[in-house]
Amino acid sequence: MSQLTANDLKTKGIAAIEAVLAERPEAIVSVRGKDRFVVMEIAQYHYLRECELEAALAETRADIKAGRFVKESPAAHVKRAKKIAGASDA
């Protein structure tokens, strides 16, 4: 990924981002020498979100196929969730 500095953004504005994104799909923005942000075109962001959701769906399907799920009523689910939440507070 190409690097942009906060100063580049301050002095050149959106033109600095456009220049980097013309060559690469993402750019890292560094602030005081530390990587802090990533900028990308919205189409790239939507693509990555779709990949993330597809991965979550695949993981869920694998859990169901392996029997790693609980079938219960909404009331039982709330009761179990509260018990788990109470255990993590301890």
PDB file of N, CA and C in Angstrom:
ATOM      1  N   MET A   1       0.839  -1.184   0.000  1.00  0.00           N
ATOM      2  CA  MET A   1       0.000   0.000   0.000  1.00  0.00           C
ATOM      3  C   MET A   1       0.880   1.242   0.000  1.00  0.00           C
ATOM      4  N   SER A   2       0.419   2.229  -0.679  1.00  0.00           N
ATOM      5  CA  SER A   2       1.138   3.489  -0.690  1.00  0.00           C
ATOM      6  C   SER A   2       0.828   4.274   0.570  1.00  0.00           C
ATOM      7  N   GLN A   3       1.737   5.130   0.916  1.00  0.00           N
ATOM      8  CA  GLN A   3       1.630   5.901   2.153  1.00  0.00           C
ATOM      9  C   GLN A   3       1.337   7.366   1.848  1.00  0.00           C
ATOM     10  N   LEU A   4       0.422   7.925   2.635  1.00  0.00           N
ATOM     11  CA  LEU A   4       0.149   9.356   2.627  1.00  0.00           C
ATOM     12  C   LEU A   4       0.421   9.861   4.030  1.00  0.00           C
ATOM     13  N   THR A   5       0.917  11.058   4.124  1.00  0.00           N
ATOM     14  CA  THR A   5       1.087  11.638   5.454  1.00  0.00           C
ATOM     15  C   THR A   5      -0.077  12.586   5.723  1.00  0.00           C
ATOM     16  N   ALA A   6      -0.322  12.830   6.981  1.00  0.00           N
ATOM     17  CA  ALA A   6      -1.363  13.787   7.347  1.00  0.00           C
ATOM     18  C   ALA A   6      -1.039  15.147   6.746  1.00  0.00           C
ATOM     19  N   ASN A   7       0.251  15.466   6.661  1.00  0.00           N
ATOM     20  CA  ASN A   7       0.655  16.746   6.071  1.00  0.00           C
ATOM     21  C   ASN A   7       0.306  16.800   4.582  1.00  0.00           C
ATOM     22  N   ASP A   8       0.484  15.654   3.872  1.00  0.00           N
ATOM     23  CA  ASP A   8       0.078  15.601   2.457  1.00  0.00           C
ATOM     24  C   ASP A   8      -1.402  15.948   2.325  1.00  0.00           C
ATOM     25  N   LEU A   9      -2.199  15.372   3.198  1.00  0.00           N
ATOM     26  CA  LEU A   9      -3.634  15.637   3.144  1.00  0.00           C
ATOM     27  C   LEU A   9      -3.943  17.095   3.460  1.00  0.00           C
ATOM     28  N   LYS A  10      -3.205  17.632   4.417  1.00  0.00           N
ATOM     29  CA  LYS A  10      -3.431  19.023   4.812  1.00  0.00           C
ATOM     30  C   LYS A  10      -3.085  19.984   3.670  1.00  0.00           C
ATOM     31  N   THR A  11      -1.988  19.728   3.000  1.00  0.00           N
ATOM     32  CA  THR A  11      -1.537  20.658   1.965  1.00  0.00           C
ATOM     33  C   THR A  11      -2.158  20.399   0.599  1.00  0.00           C
ATOM     34  N   LYS A  12      -2.367  19.128   0.250  1.00  0.00           N
ATOM     35  CA  LYS A  12      -2.845  18.788  -1.092  1.00  0.00           C
ATOM     36  C   LYS A  12      -4.315  18.369  -1.129  1.00  0.00           C
ATOM     37  N   GLY A  13      -4.869  18.054   0.016  1.00  0.00           N
ATOM     38  CA  GLY A  13      -6.280  17.676   0.086  1.00  0.00           C
ATOM     39  C   GLY A  13      -6.600  16.390  -0.643  1.00  0.00           C
ATOM     40  N   ILE A  14      -7.799  16.361  -1.209  1.00  0.00           N
ATOM     41  CA  ILE A  14      -8.303  15.164  -1.874  1.00  0.00           C
ATOM     42  C   ILE A  14      -7.445  14.758  -3.063  1.00  0.00           C
ATOM     43  N   ALA A  15      -6.732  15.722  -3.665  1.00  0.00           N
ATOM     44  CA  ALA A  15      -5.859  15.415  -4.801  1.00  0.00           C
ATOM     45  C   ALA A  15      -4.776  14.415  -4.406  1.00  0.00           C
ATOM     46  N   ALA A  16      -4.299  14.490  -3.176  1.00  0.00           N
ATOM     47  CA  ALA A  16      -3.279  13.542  -2.708  1.00  0.00           C
ATOM     48  C   ALA A  16      -3.853  12.130  -2.659  1.00  0.00           C
ATOM     49  N   ILE A  17      -5.092  12.018  -2.188  1.00  0.00           N
ATOM     50  CA  ILE A  17      -5.738  10.695  -2.129  1.00  0.00           C
ATOM     51  C   ILE A  17      -5.989  10.178  -3.536  1.00  0.00           C
ATOM     52  N   GLU A  18      -6.516  11.010  -4.396  1.00  0.00           N
ATOM     53  CA  GLU A  18      -6.805  10.589  -5.772  1.00  0.00           C
ATOM     54  C   GLU A  18      -5.553  10.123  -6.503  1.00  0.00           C
ATOM     55  N   ALA A  19      -4.429  10.795  -6.260  1.00  0.00           N
ATOM     56  CA  ALA A  19      -3.181  10.415  -6.922  1.00  0.00           C
ATOM     57  C   ALA A  19      -2.740   9.021  -6.508  1.00  0.00           C
ATOM     58  N   VAL A  20      -2.839   8.724  -5.229  1.00  0.00           N
ATOM     59  CA  VAL A  20      -2.433   7.398  -4.741  1.00  0.00           C
ATOM     60  C   VAL A  20      -3.410   6.339  -5.227  1.00  0.00           C
ATOM     61  N   LEU A  21      -4.704   6.626  -5.142  1.00  0.00           N
ATOM     62  CA  LEU A  21      -5.700   5.630  -5.520  1.00  0.00           C
ATOM     63  C   LEU A  21      -5.755   5.387  -7.023  1.00  0.00           C
ATOM     64  N   ALA A  22      -5.143   6.255  -7.807  1.00  0.00           N
ATOM     65  CA  ALA A  22      -5.056   6.016  -9.248  1.00  0.00           C
ATOM     66  C   ALA A  22      -4.136   4.844  -9.550  1.00  0.00           C
ATOM     67  N   GLU A  23      -3.206   4.563  -8.621  1.00  0.00           N
ATOM     68  CA  GLU A  23      -2.224   3.497  -8.819  1.00  0.00           C
ATOM     69  C   GLU A  23      -2.470   2.267  -7.957  1.00  0.00           C
ATOM     70  N   ARG A  24      -3.160   2.443  -6.827  1.00  0.00           N
ATOM     71  CA  ARG A  24      -3.369   1.345  -5.874  1.00  0.00           C
ATOM     72  C   ARG A  24      -4.792   1.392  -5.330  1.00  0.00           C
ATOM     73  N   PRO A  25      -5.299   0.235  -4.849  1.00  0.00           N
ATOM     74  CA  PRO A  25      -6.673   0.235  -4.326  1.00  0.00           C
ATOM     75  C   PRO A  25      -6.826   0.868  -2.943  1.00  0.00           C
ATOM     76  N   GLU A  26      -5.737   0.919  -2.168  1.00  0.00           N
ATOM     77  CA  GLU A  26      -5.797   1.514  -0.825  1.00  0.00           C
ATOM     78  C   GLU A  26      -4.555   2.364  -0.577  1.00  0.00           C
ATOM     79  N   ALA A  27      -4.684   3.268   0.401  1.00  0.00           N
ATOM     80  CA  ALA A  27      -3.545   4.084   0.828  1.00  0.00           C
ATOM     81  C   ALA A  27      -3.575   4.197   2.345  1.00  0.00           C
ATOM     82  N   ILE A  28      -2.420   4.069   2.944  1.00  0.00           N
ATOM     83  CA  ILE A  28      -2.295   4.232   4.392  1.00  0.00           C
ATOM     84  C   ILE A  28      -2.019   5.699   4.680  1.00  0.00           C
ATOM     85  N   VAL A  29      -2.702   6.234   5.666  1.00  0.00           N
ATOM     86  CA  VAL A  29      -2.458   7.614   6.102  1.00  0.00           C
ATOM     87  C   VAL A  29      -1.699   7.538   7.416  1.00  0.00           C
ATOM     88  N   SER A  30      -0.532   8.157   7.439  1.00  0.00           N
ATOM     89  CA  SER A  30       0.263   8.158   8.669  1.00  0.00           C
ATOM     90  C   SER A  30       0.149   9.522   9.348  1.00  0.00           C
ATOM     91  N   VAL A  31       0.109   9.471  10.654  1.00  0.00           N
ATOM     92  CA  VAL A  31       0.038  10.681  11.464  1.00  0.00           C
ATOM     93  C   VAL A  31       1.231  10.642  12.419  1.00  0.00           C
ATOM     94  N   ARG A  32       2.071  11.648  12.329  1.00  0.00           N
ATOM     95  CA  ARG A  32       3.296  11.719  13.128  1.00  0.00           C
ATOM     96  C   ARG A  32       4.120  10.423  13.036  1.00  0.00           C
ATOM     97  N   GLY A  33       4.219   9.903  11.818  1.00  0.00           N
ATOM     98  CA  GLY A  33       5.049   8.732  11.560  1.00  0.00           C
ATOM     99  C   GLY A  33       4.418   7.396  11.897  1.00  0.00           C
ATOM    100  N   LYS A  34       3.183   7.381  12.373  1.00  0.00           N
ATOM    101  CA  LYS A  34       2.508   6.119  12.708  1.00  0.00           C
ATOM    102  C   LYS A  34       1.322   5.908  11.782  1.00  0.00           C
ATOM    103  N   ASP A  35       1.200   4.684  11.260  1.00  0.00           N
ATOM    104  CA  ASP A  35       0.068   4.353  10.408  1.00  0.00           C
ATOM    105  C   ASP A  35      -1.216   4.436  11.228  1.00  0.00           C
ATOM    106  N   ARG A  36      -2.194   5.206  10.740  1.00  0.00           N
ATOM    107  CA  ARG A  36      -3.424   5.420  11.512  1.00  0.00           C
ATOM    108  C   ARG A  36      -4.692   5.078  10.747  1.00  0.00           C
ATOM    109  N   PHE A  37      -4.716   5.314   9.447  1.00  0.00           N
ATOM    110  CA  PHE A  37      -5.955   5.146   8.693  1.00  0.00           C
ATOM    111  C   PHE A  37      -5.666   4.514   7.338  1.00  0.00           C
ATOM    112  N   VAL A  38      -6.711   3.959   6.743  1.00  0.00           N
ATOM    113  CA  VAL A  38      -6.640   3.465   5.366  1.00  0.00           C
ATOM    114  C   VAL A  38      -7.765   4.136   4.600  1.00  0.00           C
ATOM    115  N   VAL A  39      -7.446   4.643   3.428  1.00  0.00           N
ATOM    116  CA  VAL A  39      -8.471   5.221   2.562  1.00  0.00           C
ATOM    117  C   VAL A  39      -8.548   4.399   1.285  1.00  0.00           C
ATOM    118  N   MET A  40      -9.765   4.318   0.744  1.00  0.00           N
ATOM    119  CA  MET A  40      -9.992   3.567  -0.486  1.00  0.00           C
ATOM    120  C   MET A  40     -11.242   4.098  -1.167  1.00  0.00           C
ATOM    121  N   GLU A  41     -11.405   3.742  -2.408  1.00  0.00           N
ATOM    122  CA  GLU A  41     -12.625   4.119  -3.103  1.00  0.00           C
ATOM    123  C   GLU A  41     -13.778   3.322  -2.523  1.00  0.00           C
ATOM    124  N   ILE A  42     -14.963   3.871  -2.605  1.00  0.00           N
ATOM    125  CA  ILE A  42     -16.137   3.236  -2.007  1.00  0.00           C
ATOM    126  C   ILE A  42     -16.399   1.872  -2.632  1.00  0.00           C
ATOM    127  N   ALA A  43     -16.131   1.699  -3.896  1.00  0.00           N
ATOM    128  CA  ALA A  43     -16.333   0.399  -4.546  1.00  0.00           C
ATOM    129  C   ALA A  43     -15.438  -0.662  -3.898  1.00  0.00           C
ATOM    130  N   GLN A  44     -14.203  -0.305  -3.580  1.00  0.00           N
ATOM    131  CA  GLN A  44     -13.283  -1.237  -2.907  1.00  0.00           C
ATOM    132  C   GLN A  44     -13.791  -1.573  -1.511  1.00  0.00           C
ATOM    133  N   TYR A  45     -14.299  -0.570  -0.801  1.00  0.00           N
ATOM    134  CA  TYR A  45     -14.858  -0.793   0.528  1.00  0.00           C
ATOM    135  C   TYR A  45     -16.032  -1.765   0.458  1.00  0.00           C
ATOM    136  N   HIS A  46     -16.938  -1.551  -0.503  1.00  0.00           N
ATOM    137  CA  HIS A  46     -18.091  -2.440  -0.647  1.00  0.00           C
ATOM    138  C   HIS A  46     -17.645  -3.863  -0.975  1.00  0.00           C
ATOM    139  N   TYR A  47     -16.639  -3.997  -1.818  1.00  0.00           N
ATOM    140  CA  TYR A  47     -16.102  -5.317  -2.144  1.00  0.00           C
ATOM    141  C   TYR A  47     -15.562  -6.013  -0.895  1.00  0.00           C
ATOM    142  N   LEU A  48     -14.791  -5.295  -0.092  1.00  0.00           N
ATOM    143  CA  LEU A  48     -14.231  -5.893   1.125  1.00  0.00           C
ATOM    144  C   LEU A  48     -15.330  -6.261   2.118  1.00  0.00           C
ATOM    145  N   ARG A  49     -16.346  -5.430   2.248  1.00  0.00           N
ATOM    146  CA  ARG A  49     -17.481  -5.745   3.135  1.00  0.00           C
ATOM    147  C   ARG A  49     -18.185  -7.008   2.658  1.00  0.00           C
ATOM    148  N   GLU A  50     -18.381  -7.130   1.348  1.00  0.00           N
ATOM    149  CA  GLU A  50     -19.023  -8.320   0.805  1.00  0.00           C
ATOM    150  C   GLU A  50     -18.189  -9.566   1.100  1.00  0.00           C
ATOM    151  N   CYS A  51     -16.873  -9.450   0.966  1.00  0.00           N
ATOM    152  CA  CYS A  51     -15.987 -10.579   1.293  1.00  0.00           C
ATOM    153  C   CYS A  51     -16.118 -10.959   2.764  1.00  0.00           C
ATOM    154  N   GLU A  52     -16.173  -9.967   3.627  1.00  0.00           N
ATOM    155  CA  GLU A  52     -16.313 -10.202   5.061  1.00  0.00           C
ATOM    156  C   GLU A  52     -17.638 -10.913   5.368  1.00  0.00           C
ATOM    157  N   LEU A  53     -18.704 -10.469   4.734  1.00  0.00           N
ATOM    158  CA  LEU A  53     -20.003 -11.096   4.960  1.00  0.00           C
ATOM    159  C   LEU A  53     -20.046 -12.516   4.401  1.00  0.00           C
ATOM    160  N   GLU A  54     -19.426 -12.740   3.256  1.00  0.00           N
ATOM    161  CA  GLU A  54     -19.355 -14.093   2.686  1.00  0.00           C
ATOM    162  C   GLU A  54     -18.572 -15.028   3.604  1.00  0.00           C
ATOM    163  N   ALA A  55     -17.493 -14.531   4.196  1.00  0.00           N
ATOM    164  CA  ALA A  55     -16.706 -15.345   5.129  1.00  0.00           C
ATOM    165  C   ALA A  55     -17.524 -15.695   6.364  1.00  0.00           C
ATOM    166  N   ALA A  56     -18.293 -14.727   6.878  1.00  0.00           N
ATOM    167  CA  ALA A  56     -19.146 -14.990   8.042  1.00  0.00           C
ATOM    168  C   ALA A  56     -20.215 -16.015   7.704  1.00  0.00           C
ATOM    169  N   LEU A  57     -20.775 -15.930   6.512  1.00  0.00           N
ATOM    170  CA  LEU A  57     -21.780 -16.892   6.085  1.00  0.00           C
ATOM    171  C   LEU A  57     -21.179 -18.294   5.958  1.00  0.00           C
ATOM    172  N   ALA A  58     -19.993 -18.390   5.389  1.00  0.00           N
ATOM    173  CA  ALA A  58     -19.319 -19.686   5.266  1.00  0.00           C
ATOM    174  C   ALA A  58     -19.025 -20.276   6.644  1.00  0.00           C
ATOM    175  N   GLU A  59     -18.596 -19.429   7.573  1.00  0.00           N
ATOM    176  CA  GLU A  59     -18.319 -19.890   8.945  1.00  0.00           C
ATOM    177  C   GLU A  59     -19.601 -20.389   9.614  1.00  0.00           C
ATOM    178  N   THR A  60     -20.689 -19.675   9.413  1.00  0.00           N
ATOM    179  CA  THR A  60     -21.965 -20.079   9.992  1.00  0.00           C
ATOM    180  C   THR A  60     -22.431 -21.405   9.408  1.00  0.00           C
ATOM    181  N   ARG A  61     -22.312 -21.553   8.099  1.00  0.00           N
ATOM    182  CA  ARG A  61     -22.695 -22.829   7.464  1.00  0.00           C
ATOM    183  C   ARG A  61     -21.847 -23.983   7.988  1.00  0.00           C
ATOM    184  N   ALA A  62     -20.560 -23.749   8.185  1.00  0.00           N
ATOM    185  CA  ALA A  62     -19.688 -24.792   8.721  1.00  0.00           C
ATOM    186  C   ALA A  62     -20.084 -25.151  10.152  1.00  0.00           C
ATOM    187  N   ASP A  63     -20.441 -24.142  10.959  1.00  0.00           N
ATOM    188  CA  ASP A  63     -20.886 -24.399  12.328  1.00  0.00           C
ATOM    189  C   ASP A  63     -22.163 -25.238  12.331  1.00  0.00           C
ATOM    190  N   ILE A  64     -23.097 -24.910  11.463  1.00  0.00           N
ATOM    191  CA  ILE A  64     -24.350 -25.672  11.396  1.00  0.00           C
ATOM    192  C   ILE A  64     -24.075 -27.107  10.966  1.00  0.00           C
ATOM    193  N   LYS A  65     -23.255 -27.266   9.948  1.00  0.00           N
ATOM    194  CA  LYS A  65     -22.929 -28.608   9.448  1.00  0.00           C
ATOM    195  C   LYS A  65     -22.249 -29.440  10.527  1.00  0.00           C
ATOM    196  N   ALA A  66     -21.420 -28.803  11.364  1.00  0.00           N
ATOM    197  CA  ALA A  66     -20.691 -29.518  12.418  1.00  0.00           C
ATOM    198  C   ALA A  66     -21.510 -29.654  13.705  1.00  0.00           C
ATOM    199  N   GLY A  67     -22.720 -29.084  13.698  1.00  0.00           N
ATOM    200  CA  GLY A  67     -23.556 -29.200  14.889  1.00  0.00           C
ATOM    201  C   GLY A  67     -23.213 -28.220  15.996  1.00  0.00           C
ATOM    202  N   ARG A  68     -22.478 -27.176  15.670  1.00  0.00           N
ATOM    203  CA  ARG A  68     -22.094 -26.180  16.677  1.00  0.00           C
ATOM    204  C   ARG A  68     -23.128 -25.058  16.728  1.00  0.00           C
ATOM    205  N   PHE A  69     -24.307 -25.396  17.236  1.00  0.00           N
ATOM    206  CA  PHE A  69     -25.362 -24.399  17.390  1.00  0.00           C
ATOM    207  C   PHE A  69     -26.313 -24.864  18.481  1.00  0.00           C
ATOM    208  N   VAL A  70     -27.133 -23.949  18.944  1.00  0.00           N
ATOM    209  CA  VAL A  70     -28.119 -24.237  19.979  1.00  0.00           C
ATOM    210  C   VAL A  70     -29.486 -23.874  19.416  1.00  0.00           C
ATOM    211  N   LYS A  71     -30.428 -24.804  19.539  1.00  0.00           N
ATOM    212  CA  LYS A  71     -31.802 -24.541  19.108  1.00  0.00           C
ATOM    213  C   LYS A  71     -32.630 -24.372  20.380  1.00  0.00           C
ATOM    214  N   GLU A  72     -33.200 -23.168  20.542  1.00  0.00           N
ATOM    215  CA  GLU A  72     -33.938 -22.882  21.767  1.00  0.00           C
ATOM    216  C   GLU A  72     -34.953 -21.776  21.525  1.00  0.00           C
ATOM    217  N   SER A  73     -35.838 -21.589  22.479  1.00  0.00           N
ATOM    218  CA  SER A  73     -36.840 -20.529  22.385  1.00  0.00           C
ATOM    219  C   SER A  73     -36.169 -19.175  22.629  1.00  0.00           C
ATOM    220  N   PRO A  74     -36.842 -18.095  22.219  1.00  0.00           N
ATOM    221  CA  PRO A  74     -36.279 -16.766  22.502  1.00  0.00           C
ATOM    222  C   PRO A  74     -36.055 -16.535  24.001  1.00  0.00           C
ATOM    223  N   ALA A  75     -36.992 -16.978  24.832  1.00  0.00           N
ATOM    224  CA  ALA A  75     -36.850 -16.785  26.282  1.00  0.00           C
ATOM    225  C   ALA A  75     -35.636 -17.546  26.816  1.00  0.00           C
ATOM    226  N   ALA A  76     -35.443 -18.760  26.340  1.00  0.00           N
ATOM    227  CA  ALA A  76     -34.290 -19.551  26.780  1.00  0.00           C
ATOM    228  C   ALA A  76     -32.984 -18.910  26.310  1.00  0.00           C
ATOM    229  N   HIS A  77     -33.021 -18.345  25.117  1.00  0.00           N
ATOM    230  CA  HIS A  77     -31.827 -17.684  24.582  1.00  0.00           C
ATOM    231  C   HIS A  77     -31.450 -16.473  25.446  1.00  0.00           C
ATOM    232  N   VAL A  78     -32.445 -15.653  25.783  1.00  0.00           N
ATOM    233  CA  VAL A  78     -32.192 -14.471  26.613  1.00  0.00           C
ATOM    234  C   VAL A  78     -31.644 -14.895  27.973  1.00  0.00           C
ATOM    235  N   LYS A  79     -32.232 -15.930  28.548  1.00  0.00           N
ATOM    236  CA  LYS A  79     -31.777 -16.425  29.852  1.00  0.00           C
ATOM    237  C   LYS A  79     -30.317 -16.895  29.771  1.00  0.00           C
ATOM    238  N   ARG A  80     -29.997 -17.635  28.708  1.00  0.00           N
ATOM    239  CA  ARG A  80     -28.611 -18.129  28.538  1.00  0.00           C
ATOM    240  C   ARG A  80     -27.653 -16.977  28.281  1.00  0.00           C
ATOM    241  N   ALA A  81     -28.064 -16.002  27.481  1.00  0.00           N
ATOM    242  CA  ALA A  81     -27.211 -14.843  27.201  1.00  0.00           C
ATOM    243  C   ALA A  81     -26.921 -14.046  28.456  1.00  0.00           C
ATOM    244  N   LYS A  82     -27.950 -13.865  29.280  1.00  0.00           N
ATOM    245  CA  LYS A  82     -27.744 -13.136  30.539  1.00  0.00           C
ATOM    246  C   LYS A  82     -26.818 -13.891  31.478  1.00  0.00           C
ATOM    247  N   LYS A  83     -26.922 -15.201  31.486  1.00  0.00           N
ATOM    248  CA  LYS A  83     -26.044 -16.022  32.334  1.00  0.00           C
ATOM    249  C   LYS A  83     -24.589 -15.901  31.853  1.00  0.00           C
ATOM    250  N   ILE A  84     -24.418 -15.945  30.544  1.00  0.00           N
ATOM    251  CA  ILE A  84     -23.059 -15.811  29.981  1.00  0.00           C
ATOM    252  C   ILE A  84     -22.506 -14.423  30.269  1.00  0.00           C
ATOM    253  N   ALA A  85     -23.327 -13.386  30.096  1.00  0.00           N
ATOM    254  CA  ALA A  85     -22.891 -12.006  30.359  1.00  0.00           C
ATOM    255  C   ALA A  85     -22.528 -11.822  31.822  1.00  0.00           C
ATOM    256  N   GLY A  86     -23.304 -12.417  32.712  1.00  0.00           N
ATOM    257  CA  GLY A  86     -23.008 -12.334  34.145  1.00  0.00           C
ATOM    258  C   GLY A  86     -21.712 -13.028  34.502  1.00  0.00           C
ATOM    259  N   ALA A  87     -21.420 -14.135  33.834  1.00  0.00           N
ATOM    260  CA  ALA A  87     -20.186 -14.882  34.084  1.00  0.00           C
ATOM    261  C   ALA A  87     -18.971 -14.095  33.608  1.00  0.00           C
ATOM    262  N   SER A  88     -19.132 -13.331  32.512  1.00  0.00           N
ATOM    263  CA  SER A  88     -17.983 -12.561  32.001  1.00  0.00           C
ATOM    264  C   SER A  88     -17.725 -11.312  32.825  1.00  0.00           C
ATOM    265  N   ASP A  89     -18.722 -10.849  33.605  1.00  0.00           N
ATOM    266  CA  ASP A  89     -18.534  -9.672  34.453  1.00  0.00           C
ATOM    267  C   ASP A  89     -17.733 -10.007  35.702  1.00  0.00           C
ATOM    268  N   ALA A  90     -17.693 -11.269  36.060  1.00  0.00           N
ATOM    269  CA  ALA A  90     -17.025 -11.682  37.296  1.00  0.00           C
ATOM    270  C   ALA A  90     -15.539 -11.630  37.207  1.00  0.00           C
TER     271      ALA A  90
END
